């Protein structure tokens, strides 16, 4: 019987594969805060990379540091989960060397409609 691969894992694999072609570093399972909370993925780009991404990919929305979250049917996006995602983003912002808030963006991909 074939082993089932989680959609979360596939999302991270696809994002890493698609963005690495343009030199974008994608870090997954990034821990922030104490006790550590996990961000699904962080894509780090230079301004040159962003120009290329905007012209040649379906990712024109990325910024210098983009938090990428995936919500599956098993763990759907709810109002409470949205608040948790935003809190993790603010923790990341407070702990990292983000010069300006415009350099950080949060993107949520949902397998199904948000609840």
Protein backbone atom coordinates (compact mmCIF):
# COMPACT_ATOMS: atom_id res chain seq x y z
CA UNK A 1 0.00 0.00 0.00
CA UNK A 2 1.33 3.43 -0.92
CA UNK A 3 2.44 5.73 1.86
CA UNK A 4 0.28 8.84 2.16
CA UNK A 5 2.13 12.17 2.04
CA UNK A 6 0.71 15.08 4.03
CA UNK A 7 -0.50 18.13 2.14
CA UNK A 8 1.48 20.35 4.53
CA UNK A 9 4.69 18.54 3.58
CA UNK A 10 3.85 18.84 -0.14
CA UNK A 11 3.16 22.58 0.23
CA UNK A 12 6.58 23.15 1.80
CA UNK A 13 8.30 20.95 -0.79
CA UNK A 14 6.63 22.77 -3.71
CA UNK A 15 7.39 26.24 -2.30
CA UNK A 16 11.02 25.32 -1.65
CA UNK A 17 11.41 23.79 -5.11
CA UNK A 18 9.63 26.59 -7.01
CA UNK A 19 11.41 29.45 -5.23
CA UNK A 20 14.90 27.93 -5.03
CA UNK A 21 15.15 28.16 -8.84
CA UNK A 22 15.34 31.92 -8.35
CA UNK A 23 17.83 31.75 -5.49
CA UNK A 24 15.21 32.26 -2.77
CA UNK A 25 16.05 30.59 0.53
CA UNK A 26 12.98 28.86 2.02
CA UNK A 27 13.32 27.77 5.64
CA UNK A 28 10.62 25.48 7.04
CA UNK A 29 9.46 24.81 10.60
CA UNK A 30 11.01 28.09 11.80
CA UNK A 31 10.71 28.43 15.58
CA UNK A 32 9.81 31.75 17.23
CA UNK A 33 9.08 32.71 20.81
CA UNK A 34 9.41 30.82 24.09
CA UNK A 35 8.14 28.13 24.26
CA UNK A 36 8.86 27.80 20.57
CA UNK A 37 6.00 28.18 18.11
CA UNK A 38 6.48 27.13 14.49
CA UNK A 39 6.06 29.09 11.29
CA UNK A 40 5.41 26.74 8.34
CA UNK A 41 7.86 28.42 5.96
CA UNK A 42 9.85 31.62 5.57
CA UNK A 43 10.99 32.79 2.12
CA UNK A 44 13.91 35.24 2.18
CA UNK A 45 14.50 37.28 -1.01
CA UNK A 46 16.71 40.11 -2.19
CA UNK A 47 15.28 42.99 -4.22
CA UNK A 48 16.81 41.49 -7.39
CA UNK A 49 15.10 38.17 -6.68
CA UNK A 50 11.79 39.95 -6.09
CA UNK A 51 11.97 41.64 -9.50
CA UNK A 52 12.57 38.27 -11.14
CA UNK A 53 9.77 36.60 -9.16
CA UNK A 54 7.31 39.34 -10.11
CA UNK A 55 8.09 38.93 -13.81
CA UNK A 56 8.38 35.16 -14.15
CA UNK A 57 6.38 33.38 -11.45
CA UNK A 58 2.93 33.23 -9.85
CA UNK A 59 4.48 34.77 -6.70
CA UNK A 60 4.33 38.55 -7.31
CA UNK A 61 3.18 39.11 -3.73
CA UNK A 62 6.40 38.10 -1.95
CA UNK A 63 8.45 40.62 0.03
CA UNK A 64 12.01 40.46 1.38
CA UNK A 65 10.79 38.15 4.16
CA UNK A 66 7.55 36.28 3.51
CA UNK A 67 5.90 33.99 6.01
CA UNK A 68 4.04 31.20 4.19
CA UNK A 69 1.41 29.21 6.08
CA UNK A 70 -0.60 26.24 4.82
CA UNK A 71 -3.97 25.30 6.29
CA UNK A 72 -5.25 21.83 5.43
CA UNK A 73 -8.75 20.41 5.63
CA UNK A 74 -7.66 18.71 8.86
CA UNK A 75 -6.44 21.98 10.41
CA UNK A 76 -8.57 24.65 8.69
CA UNK A 77 -8.16 28.40 8.87
CA UNK A 78 -10.49 29.76 11.54
CA UNK A 79 -10.57 33.20 13.17
CA UNK A 80 -8.61 31.84 16.13
CA UNK A 81 -6.02 30.22 13.86
CA UNK A 82 -5.67 33.48 11.92
CA UNK A 83 -4.95 35.25 15.22
CA UNK A 84 -2.30 32.61 16.05
CA UNK A 85 -0.64 33.03 12.66
CA UNK A 86 -0.52 36.81 13.09
CA UNK A 87 0.91 36.42 16.61
CA UNK A 88 3.68 34.16 15.28
CA UNK A 89 4.39 36.76 12.58
CA UNK A 90 4.66 39.51 15.21
CA UNK A 91 6.97 37.32 17.30
CA UNK A 92 9.14 36.78 14.24
CA UNK A 93 9.16 40.53 13.54
CA UNK A 94 10.21 41.27 17.14
CA UNK A 95 13.02 38.68 17.15
CA UNK A 96 14.54 39.15 13.69
CA UNK A 97 16.39 41.92 11.91
CA UNK A 98 13.47 43.20 9.84
CA UNK A 99 14.35 46.82 9.10
CA UNK A 100 10.86 47.93 8.11
CA UNK A 101 7.44 46.33 8.44
CA UNK A 102 7.00 46.53 4.65
CA UNK A 103 9.76 43.94 4.29
CA UNK A 104 7.62 41.30 6.03
CA UNK A 105 4.44 39.74 4.65
CA UNK A 106 2.21 36.85 5.68
CA UNK A 107 0.52 34.58 3.13
CA UNK A 108 -1.91 31.80 3.96
CA UNK A 109 -2.77 29.04 1.51
CA UNK A 110 -5.93 27.10 2.39
CA UNK A 111 -6.77 23.65 1.08
CA UNK A 112 -10.44 24.47 1.63
CA UNK A 113 -12.44 27.64 2.27
CA UNK A 114 -11.64 29.38 5.59
CA UNK A 115 -14.19 28.79 8.34
